[in-house]
Amino acid sequence: MEKNLFMMCEKVNQNAFSELPLGYKIRLCRKDELSIWKAFPFDSDKEAREYESFMTEYFNKVYAPKGNLFFEKCTFVTEEQTDKPVATCFAWKSYECITTIHWLKTLKKYENKGIGRSLLSVIMSKLEPKDYPIYLHTQPESFLAIKLYSDFGFCLLNNPQVGTRTNDLETSLPYLKDKMTETAYRNLRFTTAPKEFLQAVNKSEFAEF
């Protein structure tokens, strides 16, 4: 069963920002690339096919009601020469009131090149003070991303429940300690979510981030 972790950033650490590596560019997702975006979270074509209906339902419930806003927000990193999308991420106003980071993912072949860090730098740099705190949902298996988020100033939430989902922090920490470097694990920070956030996520049975 997938375990849930939640993180919050009250002030971004700009020292974590980086420039996009040479040979890549930033652009928005086009409407004809929706199927490409839906497959992004998954590391194989088989897995992408298995979860296609879930991604379609998620898109229809969370993004489609906002018209073209998804395509004005959803960001790709692409190869300069081929224009092939290799990473994606964007910020989204969930539950009409809280800013969340959605679907940060770099294709396996392009990991460890600094692409994810540079993309998150672009996304975070566009946010304004009024957008904070920033929230995100992740899993313990994404321990490399958790280290990245931590660098940017995100803290792990210690609330036992977030909306309809259990927060599996306590049971995930041994896994993180085993998988992360000693320094990365030691640098993890923890905090409690504000009541306004919890009230917002409790308004809906469908998780919007």
Protein backbone atom coordinates (compact mmCIF):
# COMPACT_ATOMS: atom_id res chain seq x y z
CA MET A 1 0.00 0.00 0.00
CA GLU A 2 1.26 3.44 -0.90
CA LYS A 3 2.31 5.54 2.06
CA ASN A 4 1.61 9.25 2.26
CA LEU A 5 3.93 12.04 3.33
CA PHE A 6 3.16 15.74 3.35
CA MET A 7 5.52 18.71 3.35
CA MET A 8 5.18 22.46 3.89
CA CYS A 9 7.43 25.40 3.00
CA GLU A 10 6.90 28.70 4.80
CA LYS A 11 9.91 30.44 3.26
CA VAL A 12 11.90 29.20 0.30
CA ASN A 13 15.66 28.76 0.54
CA GLN A 14 16.91 30.50 -2.60
CA ASN A 15 20.37 29.05 -2.05
CA ALA A 16 18.91 25.79 -3.33
CA PHE A 17 18.05 27.31 -6.72
CA SER A 18 20.00 26.23 -9.79
CA GLU A 19 20.10 27.04 -13.49
CA LEU A 20 18.82 24.70 -16.17
CA PRO A 21 21.60 22.48 -17.57
CA LEU A 22 22.83 23.19 -21.08
CA GLY A 23 20.84 21.48 -23.81
CA TYR A 24 17.44 21.87 -22.14
CA LYS A 25 14.68 24.46 -22.16
CA ILE A 26 11.48 25.31 -20.29
CA ARG A 27 8.03 25.51 -21.87
CA LEU A 28 4.38 24.83 -21.09
CA CYS A 29 2.56 21.59 -21.80
CA ARG A 30 0.52 21.78 -25.01
CA LYS A 31 -3.02 20.44 -25.30
CA ASP A 32 -1.92 17.71 -27.68
CA GLU A 33 0.57 16.49 -25.04
CA LEU A 34 -1.96 15.64 -22.33
CA SER A 35 -1.41 11.91 -22.81
CA ILE A 36 2.35 12.45 -22.41
CA TRP A 37 1.77 14.28 -19.13
CA LYS A 38 -0.57 11.56 -17.84
CA ALA A 39 2.16 8.95 -18.35
CA PHE A 40 4.90 11.01 -16.68
CA PRO A 41 4.56 9.75 -13.08
CA PHE A 42 5.19 6.15 -14.13
CA ASP A 43 8.47 4.46 -14.98
CA SER A 44 7.13 2.00 -17.55
CA ASP A 45 4.57 2.00 -20.35
CA LYS A 46 2.80 -0.90 -18.64
CA GLU A 47 2.38 1.03 -15.40
CA ALA A 48 1.25 4.13 -17.31
CA ARG A 49 -1.48 2.10 -19.04
CA GLU A 50 -2.61 0.60 -15.73
CA TYR A 51 -3.04 4.06 -14.18
CA GLU A 52 -4.36 5.88 -17.26
CA SER A 53 -7.96 5.86 -15.99
CA PHE A 54 -6.82 7.21 -12.60
CA MET A 55 -4.89 10.05 -14.23
CA THR A 56 -7.85 10.85 -16.48
CA GLU A 57 -10.21 10.96 -13.50
CA TYR A 58 -7.76 13.14 -11.58
CA PHE A 59 -7.40 15.55 -14.48
CA ASN A 60 -11.16 15.74 -14.98
CA LYS A 61 -11.88 16.42 -11.30
CA VAL A 62 -9.03 18.76 -10.40
CA TYR A 63 -7.90 20.56 -13.56
CA ALA A 64 -10.60 20.37 -16.24
CA PRO A 65 -13.12 22.53 -14.28
CA LYS A 66 -10.61 25.39 -14.52
CA GLY A 67 -10.69 25.49 -18.30
CA ASN A 68 -7.28 26.16 -19.87
CA LEU A 69 -5.56 26.97 -16.58
CA PHE A 70 -3.82 23.58 -16.48
CA PHE A 71 -2.08 24.33 -19.78
CA GLU A 72 -1.10 27.77 -18.49
CA LYS A 73 0.53 26.19 -15.44
CA CYS A 74 1.83 22.73 -16.33
CA THR A 75 5.53 23.13 -17.15
CA PHE A 76 7.89 20.85 -19.08
CA VAL A 77 11.64 20.72 -19.34
CA THR A 78 12.44 19.58 -22.87
CA GLU A 79 15.52 18.74 -24.85
CA GLU A 80 16.50 21.75 -26.93
CA GLN A 81 17.17 19.73 -30.09
CA THR A 82 14.21 17.34 -30.03
CA ASP A 83 11.70 19.31 -27.89
CA LYS A 84 11.03 16.03 -26.05
CA PRO A 85 9.58 16.55 -22.53
CA VAL A 86 11.91 15.06 -19.91
CA ALA A 87 10.56 16.60 -16.67
CA THR A 88 7.39 18.24 -15.41
CA CYS A 89 6.10 20.23 -12.44
CA PHE A 90 3.78 23.12 -11.63
CA ALA A 91 2.16 25.04 -8.81
CA TRP A 92 -1.60 24.82 -8.37
CA LYS A 93 -4.17 26.46 -6.11
CA SER A 94 -5.85 23.48 -4.45
CA TYR A 95 -9.24 23.72 -2.73
CA GLU A 96 -9.34 27.31 -4.06
CA CYS A 97 -7.10 28.52 -1.24
CA ILE A 98 -3.78 26.68 -0.73
CA THR A 99 -0.78 26.63 -3.06
CA THR A 100 0.55 23.17 -3.82
CA ILE A 101 3.37 21.68 -5.89
CA HIS A 102 2.09 19.10 -8.37
CA TRP A 103 3.67 16.11 -10.08
CA LEU A 104 7.39 16.94 -9.96
CA LYS A 105 8.94 14.17 -12.04
CA THR A 106 12.05 13.66 -14.15
CA LEU A 107 12.19 10.70 -16.53
CA LYS A 108 14.53 8.00 -15.24
CA LYS A 109 16.95 8.39 -18.14
CA TYR A 110 17.43 12.07 -17.28
CA GLU A 111 17.83 11.85 -13.51
CA ASN A 112 20.97 13.06 -11.71
CA LYS A 113 21.53 15.88 -14.18
CA GLY A 114 20.12 18.68 -12.01
CA ILE A 115 16.99 18.98 -14.15
CA GLY A 116 14.50 18.47 -11.31
CA ARG A 117 16.25 21.02 -9.10
CA SER A 118 16.34 23.62 -11.86
CA LEU A 119 12.68 23.03 -12.72
CA LEU A 120 11.60 23.37 -9.10
CA SER A 121 13.71 26.54 -8.96
CA VAL A 122 11.69 27.99 -11.83
CA ILE A 123 8.37 27.04 -10.26
CA MET A 124 9.26 28.37 -6.80
CA SER A 125 10.75 31.59 -8.18
CA LYS A 126 7.39 32.54 -9.68
CA LEU A 127 5.49 32.27 -6.40
CA GLU A 128 4.72 35.41 -4.42
CA PRO A 129 4.75 35.95 -0.64
CA LYS A 130 0.95 35.70 -0.54
CA ASP A 131 1.18 32.15 -1.95
CA TYR A 132 2.92 30.80 1.14
CA PRO A 133 2.89 28.37 2.86
CA ILE A 134 3.43 25.94 -0.04
CA TYR A 135 2.39 22.29 0.36
CA LEU A 136 3.07 19.02 -1.41
CA HIS A 137 2.31 15.32 -1.16
CA THR A 138 4.95 12.66 -1.68
CA GLN A 139 5.88 9.09 -0.72
CA PRO A 140 8.85 7.65 1.20
CA GLU A 141 10.02 5.89 -1.97
CA SER A 142 10.68 9.37 -3.39
CA PHE A 143 13.49 9.92 -0.89
CA LEU A 144 15.65 11.72 -3.46
CA ALA A 145 12.83 14.19 -4.09
CA ILE A 146 12.30 14.57 -0.33
CA LYS A 147 15.95 15.57 0.01
CA LEU A 148 15.44 18.10 -2.80
CA TYR A 149 12.31 19.53 -1.19
CA SER A 150 14.15 19.75 2.12
CA ASP A 151 16.91 21.76 0.44
CA PHE A 152 14.29 24.24 -0.74
CA GLY A 153 12.94 24.71 2.78
CA PHE A 154 10.12 22.16 2.94
CA CYS A 155 9.44 20.49 6.30
CA LEU A 156 7.67 17.18 6.82
CA LEU A 157 4.26 17.58 8.43
CA ASN A 158 3.71 15.56 11.59
CA ASN A 159 -0.10 15.69 11.66
CA PRO A 160 -1.45 12.10 11.80
CA GLN A 161 -4.23 12.82 9.30
CA VAL A 162 -4.44 15.16 6.29
CA GLY A 163 -7.94 15.26 4.88
CA THR A 164 -9.01 11.74 3.94
CA ARG A 165 -5.43 10.44 3.94
CA THR A 166 -3.33 9.08 6.77
CA ASN A 167 0.04 10.76 7.20
CA ASP A 168 2.52 7.87 7.40
CA LEU A 169 5.45 9.88 8.73
CA GLU A 170 6.19 7.72 11.76
CA THR A 171 6.32 4.46 9.83
CA SER A 172 8.24 6.06 6.94
CA LEU A 173 11.12 7.50 8.95
CA PRO A 174 13.04 4.20 9.34
CA TYR A 175 12.87 3.71 5.56
CA LEU A 176 14.07 7.27 4.93
CA LYS A 177 16.90 6.85 7.41
CA ASP A 178 18.01 3.71 5.60
CA LYS A 179 17.78 5.15 2.09
CA MET A 180 18.97 8.74 2.55
CA THR A 181 22.52 9.83 3.27
CA GLU A 182 23.21 10.54 6.92
CA THR A 183 23.50 14.26 6.24
CA ALA A 184 20.29 14.43 4.17
CA TYR A 185 18.33 12.56 6.83
CA ARG A 186 19.76 14.69 9.62
CA ASN A 187 18.74 17.85 7.74
CA LEU A 188 15.07 16.86 7.59
CA ARG A 189 12.84 19.23 9.51
CA PHE A 190 9.36 18.67 10.92
CA THR A 191 6.42 20.93 11.61
CA THR A 192 2.69 20.94 12.29
CA ALA A 193 0.24 22.11 9.64
CA PRO A 194 -1.79 25.25 10.39
CA LYS A 195 -5.46 24.73 11.13
CA GLU A 196 -6.43 26.72 8.00
CA PHE A 197 -4.71 24.11 5.86
CA LEU A 198 -6.42 21.21 7.63
CA GLN A 199 -9.79 22.91 7.33
CA ALA A 200 -9.25 23.36 3.59
CA VAL A 201 -8.32 19.74 2.87
CA ASN A 202 -11.19 18.47 5.03
CA LYS A 203 -13.71 20.20 2.76
CA SER A 204 -13.32 17.62 0.03
CA GLU A 205 -13.23 13.82 -0.07
CA PHE A 206 -11.12 14.00 -3.22
CA ALA A 207 -7.43 14.82 -2.70
CA GLU A 208 -6.48 17.77 -4.90
CA PHE A 209 -2.72 17.40 -4.39
